[in-house]
C-alpha atoms as a PDB file:
ATOM      1  CA  MET A   1     -60.887  85.220  28.373  1.00  0.00           C
ATOM      2  CA  THR A   2     -57.927  82.286  27.972  1.00  0.00           C
ATOM      3  CA  THR A   3     -58.489  78.888  28.963  1.00  0.00           C
ATOM      4  CA  ASN A   4     -56.425  79.031  31.655  1.00  0.00           C
ATOM      5  CA  GLN A   5     -58.699  82.278  33.069  1.00  0.00           C
ATOM      6  CA  ILE A   6     -62.004  79.773  32.546  1.00  0.00           C
ATOM      7  CA  ALA A   7     -60.838  77.191  34.447  1.00  0.00           C
ATOM      8  CA  ALA A   8     -59.852  79.229  37.398  1.00  0.00           C
ATOM      9  CA  GLU A   9     -63.135  81.205  37.227  1.00  0.00           C
ATOM     10  CA  ARG A  10     -65.085  77.689  36.952  1.00  0.00           C
ATOM     11  CA  GLN A  11     -62.603  76.308  40.318  1.00  0.00           C
ATOM     12  CA  TYR A  12     -63.863  79.501  42.113  1.00  0.00           C
ATOM     13  CA  GLN A  13     -67.290  79.460  41.511  1.00  0.00           C
ATOM     14  CA  SER A  14     -67.045  75.593  42.656  1.00  0.00           C
ATOM     15  CA  ASP A  15     -65.225  76.540  45.738  1.00  0.00           C
ATOM     16  CA  GLN A  16     -68.233  79.102  46.786  1.00  0.00           C
ATOM     17  CA  VAL A  17     -70.847  76.059  45.868  1.00  0.00           C
ATOM     18  CA  HIS A  18     -68.722  74.244  48.628  1.00  0.00           C
ATOM     19  CA  ASP A  19     -68.253  76.722  51.036  1.00  0.00           C
ATOM     20  CA  ALA A  20     -72.157  77.407  51.013  1.00  0.00           C
ATOM     21  CA  LEU A  21     -72.823  73.626  51.120  1.00  0.00           C
ATOM     22  CA  VAL A  22     -70.542  73.127  54.397  1.00  0.00           C
ATOM     23  CA  THR A  23     -72.192  76.732  55.988  1.00  0.00           C
ATOM     24  CA  GLN A  24     -76.192  75.164  55.163  1.00  0.00           C
ATOM     25  CA  THR A  25     -75.388  72.014  56.526  1.00  0.00           C
ATOM     26  CA  ARG A  26     -73.374  72.652  59.717  1.00  0.00           C
ATOM     27  CA  ASN A  27     -75.409  71.459  62.627  1.00  0.00           C
ATOM     28  CA  LYS A  28     -78.333  69.493  60.786  1.00  0.00           C
ATOM     29  CA  VAL A  29     -79.247  66.201  60.165  1.00  0.00           C
ATOM     30  CA  CYS A  30     -81.107  63.995  57.552  1.00  0.00           C
ATOM     31  CA  ARG A  31     -84.472  63.853  58.794  1.00  0.00           C
ATOM     32  CA  VAL A  32     -84.854  60.213  57.462  1.00  0.00           C
ATOM     33  CA  SER A  33     -81.545  58.376  58.646  1.00  0.00           C
ATOM     34  CA  GLY A  34     -81.020  60.421  61.460  1.00  0.00           C
ATOM     35  CA  LYS A  35     -77.127  60.852  59.994  1.00  0.00           C
ATOM     36  CA  SER A  36     -75.246  64.122  59.163  1.00  0.00           C
ATOM     37  CA  PRO A  37     -74.658  65.084  55.723  1.00  0.00           C
ATOM     38  CA  VAL A  38     -72.077  64.658  53.816  1.00  0.00           C
ATOM     39  CA  ILE A  39     -70.785  66.846  50.775  1.00  0.00           C
ATOM     40  CA  VAL A  40     -69.759  64.865  47.648  1.00  0.00           C
ATOM     41  CA  TRP A  41     -68.658  65.763  43.767  1.00  0.00           C
ATOM     42  CA  ASN A  42     -71.546  64.221  41.966  1.00  0.00           C
ATOM     43  CA  ARG A  43     -71.777  65.156  38.165  1.00  0.00           C
ATOM     44  CA  ASP A  44     -69.677  68.146  37.988  1.00  0.00           C
ATOM     45  CA  ALA A  45     -71.021  69.787  40.895  1.00  0.00           C
ATOM     46  CA  TRP A  46     -70.954  69.505  44.979  1.00  0.00           C
ATOM     47  CA  VAL A  47     -73.955  68.337  46.743  1.00  0.00           C
ATOM     48  CA  ALA A  48     -74.972  67.362  50.199  1.00  0.00           C
ATOM     49  CA  THR A  49     -76.243  64.324  50.265  1.00  0.00           C
ATOM     50  CA  CYS A  50     -76.657  61.102  52.769  1.00  0.00           C
ATOM     51  CA  SER A  51     -75.141  57.939  52.412  1.00  0.00           C
ATOM     52  CA  GLU A  52     -78.350  55.652  53.347  1.00  0.00           C
ATOM     53  CA  HIS A  53     -81.121  58.443  51.094  1.00  0.00           C
ATOM     54  CA  ARG A  54     -79.687  59.606  47.758  1.00  0.00           C
ATOM     55  CA  PRO A  55     -79.176  61.963  45.823  1.00  0.00           C
ATOM     56  CA  ASN A  56     -80.114  64.623  48.684  1.00  0.00           C
ATOM     57  CA  PRO A  57     -81.132  64.390  52.190  1.00  0.00           C
ATOM     58  CA  CYS A  58     -84.186  66.412  53.407  1.00  0.00           C
ATOM     59  CA  LEU A  59     -82.032  68.896  55.961  1.00  0.00           C
ATOM     60  CA  TRP A  60     -83.109  69.593  59.229  1.00  0.00           C
ATOM     61  CA  LYS A  61     -81.871  71.288  62.416  1.00  0.00           C
ATOM     62  CA  LYS A  62     -81.047  68.766  65.162  1.00  0.00           C
ATOM     63  CA  ASP A  63     -83.482  69.704  67.651  1.00  0.00           C
ATOM     64  CA  GLU A  64     -86.186  69.998  65.096  1.00  0.00           C
ATOM     65  CA  HIS A  65     -85.442  66.763  63.687  1.00  0.00           C
ATOM     66  CA  GLN A  66     -85.468  64.804  67.233  1.00  0.00           C
ATOM     67  CA  LYS A  67     -88.853  66.988  67.929  1.00  0.00           C
ATOM     68  CA  GLU A  68     -90.303  65.174  64.960  1.00  0.00           C
ATOM     69  CA  ARG A  69     -89.514  61.843  66.284  1.00  0.00           C
ATOM     70  CA  TYR A  70     -90.558  62.472  69.599  1.00  0.00           C
ATOM     71  CA  GLY A  71     -94.067  63.627  67.925  1.00  0.00           C
ATOM     72  CA  GLN A  72     -94.131  60.564  65.877  1.00  0.00           C
ATOM     73  CA  MET A  73     -93.467  58.252  69.042  1.00  0.00           C
ATOM     74  CA  VAL A  74     -95.703  60.212  71.133  1.00  0.00           C
ATOM     75  CA  ASN A  75     -98.546  59.904  68.323  1.00  0.00           C
ATOM     76  CA  ARG A  76     -97.982  56.084  68.318  1.00  0.00           C
ATOM     77  CA  ALA A  77     -98.222  55.870  72.148  1.00  0.00           C
ATOM     78  CA  MET A  78    -101.342  58.030  72.348  1.00  0.00           C
ATOM     79  CA  VAL A  79    -102.864  55.408  70.317  1.00  0.00           C
ATOM     80  CA  GLN A  80    -101.772  52.580  72.104  1.00  0.00           C
ATOM     81  CA  SER A  81    -102.234  54.178  75.731  1.00  0.00           C
ATOM     82  CA  PRO A  82    -103.783  57.673  75.559  1.00  0.00           C
ATOM     83  CA  ASP A  83    -103.049  58.223  79.113  1.00  0.00           C
ATOM     84  CA  LYS A  84     -99.446  57.014  79.147  1.00  0.00           C
ATOM     85  CA  MET A  85     -97.773  59.504  76.424  1.00  0.00           C
ATOM     86  CA  PRO A  86     -93.731  58.753  76.690  1.00  0.00           C
ATOM     87  CA  MET A  87     -93.112  62.884  77.556  1.00  0.00           C
ATOM     88  CA  SER A  88     -91.052  64.091  80.449  1.00  0.00           C
ATOM     89  CA  VAL A  89     -90.433  67.100  82.050  1.00  0.00           C
ATOM     90  CA  ASN A  90     -86.915  67.241  80.328  1.00  0.00           C
ATOM     91  CA  GLU A  91     -87.965  67.198  77.146  1.00  0.00           C
ATOM     92  CA  ILE A  92     -90.881  69.654  77.486  1.00  0.00           C
ATOM     93  CA  LYS A  93     -87.938  72.128  78.738  1.00  0.00           C
ATOM     94  CA  GLN A  94     -85.703  71.077  75.725  1.00  0.00           C
ATOM     95  CA  PHE A  95     -88.033  71.082  73.016  1.00  0.00           C
ATOM     96  CA  ILE A  96     -91.008  73.109  73.652  1.00  0.00           C
ATOM     97  CA  SER A  97     -90.241  75.661  76.458  1.00  0.00           C
ATOM     98  CA  PRO A  98     -86.534  76.234  77.874  1.00  0.00           C
ATOM     99  CA  LYS A  99     -87.682  79.245  79.695  1.00  0.00           C
ATOM    100  CA  ALA A 100     -90.248  77.544  81.681  1.00  0.00           C
ATOM    101  CA  THR A 101     -89.804  76.142  85.494  1.00  0.00           C
ATOM    102  CA  GLU A 102     -89.683  72.383  85.969  1.00  0.00           C
ATOM    103  CA  ALA A 103     -93.204  73.162  87.817  1.00  0.00           C
ATOM    104  CA  GLU A 104     -94.425  75.171  85.003  1.00  0.00           C
ATOM    105  CA  ALA A 105     -93.322  72.082  82.722  1.00  0.00           C
ATOM    106  CA  TYR A 106     -95.120  69.453  84.607  1.00  0.00           C
ATOM    107  CA  ILE A 107     -98.365  71.389  84.866  1.00  0.00           C
ATOM    108  CA  PHE A 108     -97.902  71.490  80.973  1.00  0.00           C
ATOM    109  CA  LEU A 109     -97.054  68.202  80.576  1.00  0.00           C
ATOM    110  CA  ARG A 110     -99.834  66.388  82.957  1.00  0.00           C
ATOM    111  CA  PHE A 111    -102.688  68.811  80.908  1.00  0.00           C
ATOM    112  CA  CYS A 112    -101.330  67.791  77.968  1.00  0.00           C
ATOM    113  CA  GLN A 113    -101.691  63.644  79.365  1.00  0.00           C
ATOM    114  CA  ALA A 114    -104.955  64.528  80.414  1.00  0.00           C
ATOM    115  CA  GLN A 115    -106.520  65.902  77.766  1.00  0.00           C
ATOM    116  CA  GLY A 116    -104.583  63.908  74.935  1.00  0.00           C
ATOM    117  CA  LEU A 117    -102.834  66.843  73.311  1.00  0.00           C
ATOM    118  CA  ASN A 118     -99.154  66.044  71.384  1.00  0.00           C
ATOM    119  CA  PRO A 119     -97.195  69.260  71.746  1.00  0.00           C
ATOM    120  CA  PHE A 120     -94.526  67.629  69.329  1.00  0.00           C
ATOM    121  CA  ILE A 121     -97.147  68.334  66.583  1.00  0.00           C
ATOM    122  CA  ASN A 122     -98.147  71.887  67.702  1.00  0.00           C
ATOM    123  CA  ASP A 123    -101.655  70.641  69.487  1.00  0.00           C
ATOM    124  CA  ALA A 124    -100.510  72.659  72.422  1.00  0.00           C
ATOM    125  CA  TYR A 125     -97.131  75.084  73.559  1.00  0.00           C
ATOM    126  CA  LEU A 126     -96.093  76.094  76.624  1.00  0.00           C
ATOM    127  CA  ILE A 127     -94.897  79.767  75.884  1.00  0.00           C
ATOM    128  CA  LYS A 128     -92.867  81.685  78.740  1.00  0.00           C
ATOM    129  CA  TYR A 129     -90.881  84.411  76.823  1.00  0.00           C
ATOM    130  CA  ASP A 130     -89.364  86.014  79.999  1.00  0.00           C
ATOM    131  CA  ALA A 131     -87.831  84.079  82.841  1.00  0.00           C
ATOM    132  CA  ASN A 132     -89.500  86.479  85.505  1.00  0.00           C
ATOM    133  CA  ALA A 133     -92.907  86.191  83.672  1.00  0.00           C
ATOM    134  CA  LYS A 134     -95.335  83.514  84.307  1.00  0.00           C
ATOM    135  CA  ALA A 135     -96.514  80.812  81.331  1.00  0.00           C
ATOM    136  CA  SER A 136     -98.818  80.212  79.383  1.00  0.00           C
ATOM    137  CA  ILE A 137    -100.442  77.554  77.708  1.00  0.00           C
ATOM    138  CA  VAL A 138    -101.378  78.028  74.086  1.00  0.00           C
ATOM    139  CA  ILE A 139    -103.716  75.615  72.384  1.00  0.00           C
ATOM    140  CA  GLY A 140    -103.704  75.346  68.642  1.00  0.00           C
ATOM    141  CA  ILE A 141    -106.919  75.867  66.764  1.00  0.00           C
ATOM    142  CA  GLN A 142    -106.839  72.900  64.520  1.00  0.00           C
ATOM    143  CA  ALA A 143    -106.629  70.806  67.910  1.00  0.00           C
ATOM    144  CA  LEU A 144    -110.066  72.601  68.883  1.00  0.00           C
ATOM    145  CA  LEU A 145    -111.102  71.632  65.219  1.00  0.00           C
ATOM    146  CA  LYS A 146    -110.243  67.897  65.746  1.00  0.00           C
ATOM    147  CA  ARG A 147    -111.906  67.582  69.181  1.00  0.00           C
ATOM    148  CA  ALA A 148    -114.843  69.245  67.521  1.00  0.00           C
ATOM    149  CA  GLU A 149    -114.803  66.877  64.668  1.00  0.00           C
ATOM    150  CA  SER A 150    -114.528  64.106  67.025  1.00  0.00           C
ATOM    151  CA  ASN A 151    -118.337  64.319  68.177  1.00  0.00           C
ATOM    152  CA  PRO A 152    -119.960  62.634  65.472  1.00  0.00           C
ATOM    153  CA  ASN A 153    -122.745  65.420  65.502  1.00  0.00           C
ATOM    154  CA  TYR A 154    -120.341  67.920  64.235  1.00  0.00           C
ATOM    155  CA  SER A 155    -121.155  69.401  61.020  1.00  0.00           C
ATOM    156  CA  GLY A 156    -118.601  72.266  59.942  1.00  0.00           C
ATOM    157  CA  TYR A 157    -118.421  75.956  60.611  1.00  0.00           C
ATOM    158  CA  GLN A 158    -118.188  79.534  58.976  1.00  0.00           C
ATOM    159  CA  SER A 159    -116.154  82.471  60.585  1.00  0.00           C
ATOM    160  CA  GLY A 160    -114.938  85.589  59.899  1.00  0.00           C
ATOM    161  CA  VAL A 161    -114.677  89.192  60.701  1.00  0.00           C
ATOM    162  CA  VAL A 162    -117.087  92.356  61.619  1.00  0.00           C
ATOM    163  CA  VAL A 163    -116.216  95.793  60.493  1.00  0.00           C
ATOM    164  CA  LEU A 164    -117.658  99.026  60.555  1.00  0.00           C
ATOM    165  CA  ARG A 165    -118.483  99.995  57.144  1.00  0.00           C
ATOM    166  CA  ASP A 166    -120.439 103.668  56.877  1.00  0.00           C
ATOM    167  CA  GLY A 167    -120.945 103.682  60.625  1.00  0.00           C
ATOM    168  CA  LYS A 168    -123.010  99.913  60.362  1.00  0.00           C
ATOM    169  CA  PRO A 169    -121.756  96.956  61.499  1.00  0.00           C
ATOM    170  CA  VAL A 170    -120.920  94.162  58.469  1.00  0.00           C
ATOM    171  CA  GLU A 171    -120.005  90.480  58.847  1.00  0.00           C
ATOM    172  CA  LEU A 172    -117.184  89.528  56.210  1.00  0.00           C
ATOM    173  CA  GLN A 173    -116.397  85.727  55.644  1.00  0.00           C
ATOM    174  CA  GLY A 174    -112.503  85.313  56.220  1.00  0.00           C
ATOM    175  CA  SER A 175    -110.056  87.379  57.781  1.00  0.00           C
ATOM    176  CA  LEU A 176    -109.577  89.794  54.923  1.00  0.00           C
ATOM    177  CA  VAL A 177    -110.983  93.438  55.400  1.00  0.00           C
ATOM    178  CA  TYR A 178    -111.041  94.690  52.004  1.00  0.00           C
ATOM    179  CA  SER A 179    -111.366  98.343  52.438  1.00  0.00           C
ATOM    180  CA  GLU A 180    -109.411 100.751  54.067  1.00  0.00           C
ATOM    181  CA  SER A 181    -112.373 102.633  55.518  1.00  0.00           C
ATOM    182  CA  ASP A 182    -113.495  99.615  57.084  1.00  0.00           C
ATOM    183  CA  THR A 183    -112.713  99.422  60.665  1.00  0.00           C
ATOM    184  CA  LEU A 184    -112.169  96.358  62.232  1.00  0.00           C
ATOM    185  CA  VAL A 185    -114.368  95.903  65.326  1.00  0.00           C
ATOM    186  CA  GLY A 186    -114.520  91.913  65.948  1.00  0.00           C
ATOM    187  CA  GLY A 187    -114.762  88.383  64.707  1.00  0.00           C
ATOM    188  CA  TRP A 188    -117.676  86.147  64.197  1.00  0.00           C
ATOM    189  CA  ALA A 189    -118.191  82.411  64.034  1.00  0.00           C
ATOM    190  CA  GLU A 190    -121.201  80.079  63.486  1.00  0.00           C
ATOM    191  CA  ILE A 191    -121.019  76.702  64.405  1.00  0.00           C
ATOM    192  CA  ARG A 192    -123.318  73.631  62.856  1.00  0.00           C
ATOM    193  CA  ARG A 193    -124.503  70.342  64.743  1.00  0.00           C
ATOM    194  CA  LYS A 194    -126.618  67.859  62.875  1.00  0.00           C
ATOM    195  CA  ASP A 195    -128.992  66.924  65.699  1.00  0.00           C
ATOM    196  CA  TRP A 196    -129.810  71.058  66.511  1.00  0.00           C
ATOM    197  CA  GLU A 197    -132.205  72.732  64.478  1.00  0.00           C
ATOM    198  CA  LYS A 198    -130.008  76.181  64.108  1.00  0.00           C
ATOM    199  CA  PRO A 199    -126.163  76.607  64.085  1.00  0.00           C
ATOM    200  CA  THR A 200    -124.449  78.688  66.973  1.00  0.00           C
ATOM    201  CA  LYS A 201    -123.609  81.997  66.344  1.00  0.00           C
ATOM    202  CA  VAL A 202    -120.842  84.019  68.159  1.00  0.00           C
ATOM    203  CA  THR A 203    -119.713  87.049  68.295  1.00  0.00           C
ATOM    204  CA  VAL A 204    -116.895  88.505  69.793  1.00  0.00           C
ATOM    205  CA  SER A 205    -115.317  92.230  70.470  1.00  0.00           C
ATOM    206  CA  LEU A 206    -111.510  92.968  69.033  1.00  0.00           C
ATOM    207  CA  LYS A 207    -111.793  95.487  72.056  1.00  0.00           C
ATOM    208  CA  GLU A 208    -111.777  93.254  74.599  1.00  0.00           C
ATOM    209  CA  TYR A 209    -109.759  90.618  73.322  1.00  0.00           C
ATOM    210  CA  ASN A 210    -106.643  92.473  71.670  1.00  0.00           C
ATOM    211  CA  LYS A 211    -103.963  92.024  73.819  1.00  0.00           C
ATOM    212  CA  ARG A 212    -101.600  94.669  71.334  1.00  0.00           C
ATOM    213  CA  GLN A 213     -98.641  91.846  71.359  1.00  0.00           C
ATOM    214  CA  ALA A 214     -97.024  91.198  68.483  1.00  0.00           C
ATOM    215  CA  GLN A 215     -99.323  89.381  66.319  1.00  0.00           C
ATOM    216  CA  TRP A 216    -101.953  90.906  67.663  1.00  0.00           C
ATOM    217  CA  ASN A 217    -100.706  94.330  65.639  1.00  0.00           C
ATOM    218  CA  GLU A 218     -99.642  92.553  62.525  1.00  0.00           C
ATOM    219  CA  ARG A 219    -102.621  90.520  62.004  1.00  0.00           C
ATOM    220  CA  PRO A 220    -105.694  91.776  64.493  1.00  0.00           C
ATOM    221  CA  ALA A 221    -108.673  90.060  61.665  1.00  0.00           C
ATOM    222  CA  THR A 222    -106.894  86.759  62.106  1.00  0.00           C
ATOM    223  CA  MET A 223    -106.583  86.786  65.677  1.00  0.00           C
ATOM    224  CA  ILE A 224    -109.655  88.132  66.158  1.00  0.00           C
ATOM    225  CA  GLU A 225    -111.874  85.498  64.338  1.00  0.00           C
ATOM    226  CA  LYS A 226    -109.421  82.394  65.950  1.00  0.00           C
ATOM    227  CA  VAL A 227    -111.149  83.678  69.011  1.00  0.00           C
ATOM    228  CA  ALA A 228    -114.754  83.862  67.771  1.00  0.00           C
ATOM    229  CA  LEU A 229    -114.148  80.299  66.589  1.00  0.00           C
ATOM    230  CA  ALA A 230    -112.615  79.208  69.471  1.00  0.00           C
ATOM    231  CA  GLN A 231    -115.517  80.520  71.696  1.00  0.00           C
ATOM    232  CA  GLY A 232    -118.021  79.005  69.371  1.00  0.00           C
ATOM    233  CA  LEU A 233    -116.210  75.521  69.474  1.00  0.00           C
ATOM    234  CA  ARG A 234    -116.152  75.623  73.319  1.00  0.00           C
ATOM    235  CA  ARG A 235    -120.018  76.633  73.192  1.00  0.00           C
ATOM    236  CA  VAL A 236    -121.135  74.037  70.775  1.00  0.00           C
ATOM    237  CA  PHE A 237    -119.184  71.223  72.337  1.00  0.00           C
ATOM    238  CA  PRO A 238    -118.602  71.948  75.986  1.00  0.00           C
ATOM    239  CA  GLN A 239    -117.430  68.386  76.524  1.00  0.00           C
ATOM    240  CA  GLU A 240    -115.154  68.193  73.775  1.00  0.00           C
ATOM    241  CA  VAL A 241    -113.279  71.373  73.682  1.00  0.00           C
ATOM    242  CA  GLY A 242    -114.616  73.515  77.077  1.00  0.00           C
ATOM    243  CA  ALA A 243    -112.535  70.794  78.885  1.00  0.00           C
ATOM    244  CA  LEU A 244    -109.532  72.252  77.486  1.00  0.00           C
ATOM    245  CA  PHE A 245    -109.996  75.767  78.942  1.00  0.00           C
ATOM    246  CA  GLU A 246    -110.550  74.705  82.446  1.00  0.00           C
ATOM    247  CA  SER A 247    -108.666  76.127  85.249  1.00  0.00           C
ATOM    248  CA  HIS A 248    -105.265  74.207  85.811  1.00  0.00           C
ATOM    249  CA  GLU A 249    -102.734  77.102  87.145  1.00  0.00           C
ATOM    250  CA  LEU A 250    -101.818  78.340  83.883  1.00  0.00           C
ATOM    251  CA  GLU A 251    -103.597  80.922  81.559  1.00  0.00           C
ATOM    252  CA  THR A 252    -105.007  78.936  78.755  1.00  0.00           C
ATOM    253  CA  GLU A 253    -104.967  81.047  74.933  1.00  0.00           C
ATOM    254  CA  VAL A 254    -105.853  79.583  71.565  1.00  0.00           C
ATOM    255  CA  ALA A 255    -103.128  80.237  68.710  1.00  0.00           C
ATOM    256  CA  GLU A 256    -102.122  78.466  65.436  1.00  0.00           C
ATOM    257  CA  ALA A 257     -97.853  77.698  65.242  1.00  0.00           C
ATOM    258  CA  GLU A 258     -97.585  80.803  62.717  1.00  0.00           C
ATOM    259  CA  ASP A 259     -98.567  82.612  65.654  1.00  0.00           C
ATOM    260  CA  ILE A 260     -96.272  81.600  67.839  1.00  0.00           C
ATOM    261  CA  ARG A 261     -92.910  83.754  68.064  1.00  0.00           C
ATOM    262  CA  VAL A 262     -89.811  82.719  69.576  1.00  0.00           C
ATOM    263  CA  LEU A 263     -88.091  85.529  71.260  1.00  0.00           C
ATOM    264  CA  PRO A 264     -84.609  85.759  72.198  1.00  0.00           C
ATOM    265  CA  ALA A 265     -83.257  85.449  75.448  1.00  0.00           C
ATOM    266  CA  VAL A 266     -84.337  88.853  77.675  1.00  0.00           C
ATOM    267  CA  GLU A 267     -81.249  90.443  78.989  1.00  0.00           C
ATOM    268  CA  GLN A 268     -80.780  91.567  82.455  1.00  0.00           C
ATOM    269  CA  PRO A 269     -81.109  95.294  82.995  1.00  0.00           C
ATOM    270  CA  GLN A 270     -77.973  97.307  83.220  1.00  0.00           C
ATOM    271  CA  ASP A 271     -78.028  98.263  86.621  1.00  0.00           C
ATOM    272  CA  THR A 272     -78.884  94.651  87.981  1.00  0.00           C
ATOM    273  CA  PRO A 273     -75.833  94.078  90.603  1.00  0.00           C
ATOM    274  CA  PRO A 274     -73.447  91.311  89.347  1.00  0.00           C
ATOM    275  CA  VAL A 275     -73.023  87.919  91.060  1.00  0.00           C
ATOM    276  CA  ALA A 276     -69.830  87.325  92.954  1.00  0.00           C
ATOM    277  CA  GLN A 277     -67.736  84.738  90.801  1.00  0.00           C
ATOM    278  CA  ASP A 278     -67.945  82.734  94.333  1.00  0.00           C
ATOM    279  CA  ALA A 279     -70.980  83.132  95.560  1.00  0.00           C
ATOM    280  CA  THR A 280     -72.903  79.986  96.206  1.00  0.00           C
ATOM    281  CA  PRO A 281     -76.187  79.594  95.176  1.00  0.00           C
ATOM    282  CA  GLU A 282     -79.144  79.077  97.883  1.00  0.00           C
ATOM    283  CA  PRO A 283     -80.237  75.490  97.979  1.00  0.00           C
ATOM    284  CA  ALA A 284     -83.554  74.648  96.775  1.00  0.00           C
ATOM    285  CA  ALA A 285     -86.725  74.468  99.172  1.00  0.00           C
ATOM    286  CA  VAL A 286     -87.815  71.545 100.327  1.00  0.00           C
ATOM    287  CA  VAL A 287     -90.675  70.036 102.474  1.00  0.00           C
ATOM    288  CA  GLY A 288     -89.071  68.863 105.711  1.00  0.00           C
ATOM    289  CA  ASP A 289     -85.512  66.864 105.670  1.00  0.00           C
ATOM    290  CA  ALA A 290     -84.372  65.263 102.137  1.00  0.00           C
ATOM    291  CA  PRO A 291     -84.611  61.745 102.283  1.00  0.00           C
ATOM    292  CA  ALA A 292     -81.261  59.779 102.782  1.00  0.00           C
ATOM    293  CA  ASP A 293     -82.063  57.212 100.062  1.00  0.00           C
ATOM    294  CA  TRP A 294     -84.302  56.208  96.925  1.00  0.00           C
ATOM    295  CA  GLY A 295     -86.332  53.659  99.301  1.00  0.00           C
ATOM    296  CA  ALA A 296     -87.128  56.767 101.397  1.00  0.00           C
ATOM    297  CA  LEU A 297     -87.860  59.204  98.710  1.00  0.00           C
ATOM    298  CA  TYR A 298     -90.486  56.403  97.043  1.00  0.00           C
ATOM    299  CA  THR A 299     -91.952  55.987 100.609  1.00  0.00           C
ATOM    300  CA  ARG A 300     -92.271  60.052 101.312  1.00  0.00           C
ATOM    301  CA  ALA A 301     -93.737  60.300  97.673  1.00  0.00           C
ATOM    302  CA  SER A 302     -96.428  57.843  98.141  1.00  0.00           C
ATOM    303  CA  LYS A 303     -97.639  58.914 101.862  1.00  0.00           C
ATOM    304  CA  ASP A 304     -97.575  62.997 100.911  1.00  0.00           C
ATOM    305  CA  TRP A 305     -98.634  62.611  97.324  1.00  0.00           C
ATOM    306  CA  LYS A 306    -100.048  59.167  96.802  1.00  0.00           C
ATOM    307  CA  MET A 307     -97.087  58.716  93.926  1.00  0.00           C
ATOM    308  CA  THR A 308     -95.672  55.626  92.879  1.00  0.00           C
ATOM    309  CA  PRO A 309     -92.291  55.266  91.576  1.00  0.00           C
ATOM    310  CA  PRO A 310     -92.845  55.543  87.821  1.00  0.00           C
ATOM    311  CA  GLY A 311     -95.062  58.788  88.686  1.00  0.00           C
ATOM    312  CA  VAL A 312     -91.729  60.105  90.376  1.00  0.00           C
ATOM    313  CA  HIS A 313     -89.864  59.102  87.280  1.00  0.00           C
ATOM    314  CA  LEU A 314     -92.133  61.126  84.982  1.00  0.00           C
ATOM    315  CA  ILE A 315     -91.760  63.987  87.396  1.00  0.00           C
ATOM    316  CA  LEU A 316     -87.600  63.782  87.092  1.00  0.00           C
ATOM    317  CA  GLY A 317     -87.811  62.653  83.571  1.00  0.00           C
ATOM    318  CA  LYS A 318     -85.648  59.884  84.358  1.00  0.00           C
ATOM    319  CA  SER A 319     -85.231  56.767  85.920  1.00  0.00           C
ATOM    320  CA  GLN A 320     -83.565  56.164  89.786  1.00  0.00           C
ATOM    321  CA  LYS A 321     -80.625  54.625  87.772  1.00  0.00           C
ATOM    322  CA  ASP A 322     -80.579  57.373  84.909  1.00  0.00           C
ATOM    323  CA  TRP A 323     -80.816  60.307  87.386  1.00  0.00           C
ATOM    324  CA  PRO A 324     -77.684  62.730  87.384  1.00  0.00           C
ATOM    325  CA  GLY A 325     -77.908  64.110  90.714  1.00  0.00           C
ATOM    326  CA  SER A 326     -78.169  63.152  94.505  1.00  0.00           C
ATOM    327  CA  VAL A 327     -81.489  62.132  96.134  1.00  0.00           C
ATOM    328  CA  ALA A 328     -81.693  65.608  97.704  1.00  0.00           C
ATOM    329  CA  ASP A 329     -82.070  67.317  94.453  1.00  0.00           C
ATOM    330  CA  ALA A 330     -84.595  64.556  92.948  1.00  0.00           C
ATOM    331  CA  TRP A 331     -86.647  65.364  96.149  1.00  0.00           C
ATOM    332  CA  ALA A 332     -86.086  69.233  95.118  1.00  0.00           C
ATOM    333  CA  LEU A 333     -87.651  68.864  92.098  1.00  0.00           C
ATOM    334  CA  LEU A 334     -90.176  66.837  93.301  1.00  0.00           C
ATOM    335  CA  VAL A 335     -91.279  69.249  95.904  1.00  0.00           C
ATOM    336  CA  ALA A 336     -90.883  72.235  93.545  1.00  0.00           C
ATOM    337  CA  ALA A 337     -93.264  70.496  91.043  1.00  0.00           C
ATOM    338  CA  LYS A 338     -95.905  69.507  93.461  1.00  0.00           C
ATOM    339  CA  ALA A 339     -95.715  72.811  95.336  1.00  0.00           C
ATOM    340  CA  GLY A 340     -96.360  74.709  92.198  1.00  0.00           C
ATOM    341  CA  LYS A 341     -93.594  77.131  92.636  1.00  0.00           C
END
């Protein structure tokens, strides 16, 4: 190759690197400074860097960066005042479960506040794959273990799966099924307390708990082991762990971050009749006439639900000053959240 050809090839490769960096850094920010990255020429190569943190920023999607910041903020607030975590219904819908209704987000918010769970660090999830389905609360298995470890009598655990081998049940440590001839039938867990003479052992049936959903089809051994561990922790530490599964209107499950699969938006069936462009949506149902002003709203909220103005702001996700809608809109949201619709 001639000198000109070599130079042209190098220029082409340089342009390819530059274009790739532009694509990779689009809609991302530095997780340290929160600023957008810049692409600069440094030491004979294009690099993506941050003006405040060189040489390379830790790139993060904007929503994930904000979610991590919220997680840090919530953690600090939980240490200072566990019953006043700075979360709102709007933040739950934006970062945790976009398909959830206002009422479902409110129930989840109150549940996390009551139980001291931080959804921004995967202590709990609000899962709703379909706008027409009911949401469910999923508690991270690590959150259960942290609760158990908070008891000074906690002394560890062992867990695994149960398989049928030559027609006889065999307990295996962990979730690895060694032989293709083994048939997975369940899971087991053994929880130890320092103040109990013997450990508590729990076994669960795969047939009973298998929901035949994506993760259960792909990782049945891992999933049934987690179920056994969760059941064991609930039984041995009812005050610390059992309270997480008390009735709160939404179904409660156990999982880990890698078990949560975010599905794309569900498309409407083809035979769904189109909505006319000039159709006016029906107003949200409210109890009685909407208050005329914010003072009347606070009075009604206090009378009907014994709710203080800060409690109203918590459900709305904004203060009166920052609320973008009308008083009637705020009242409709309050009624929906309290009615659980």
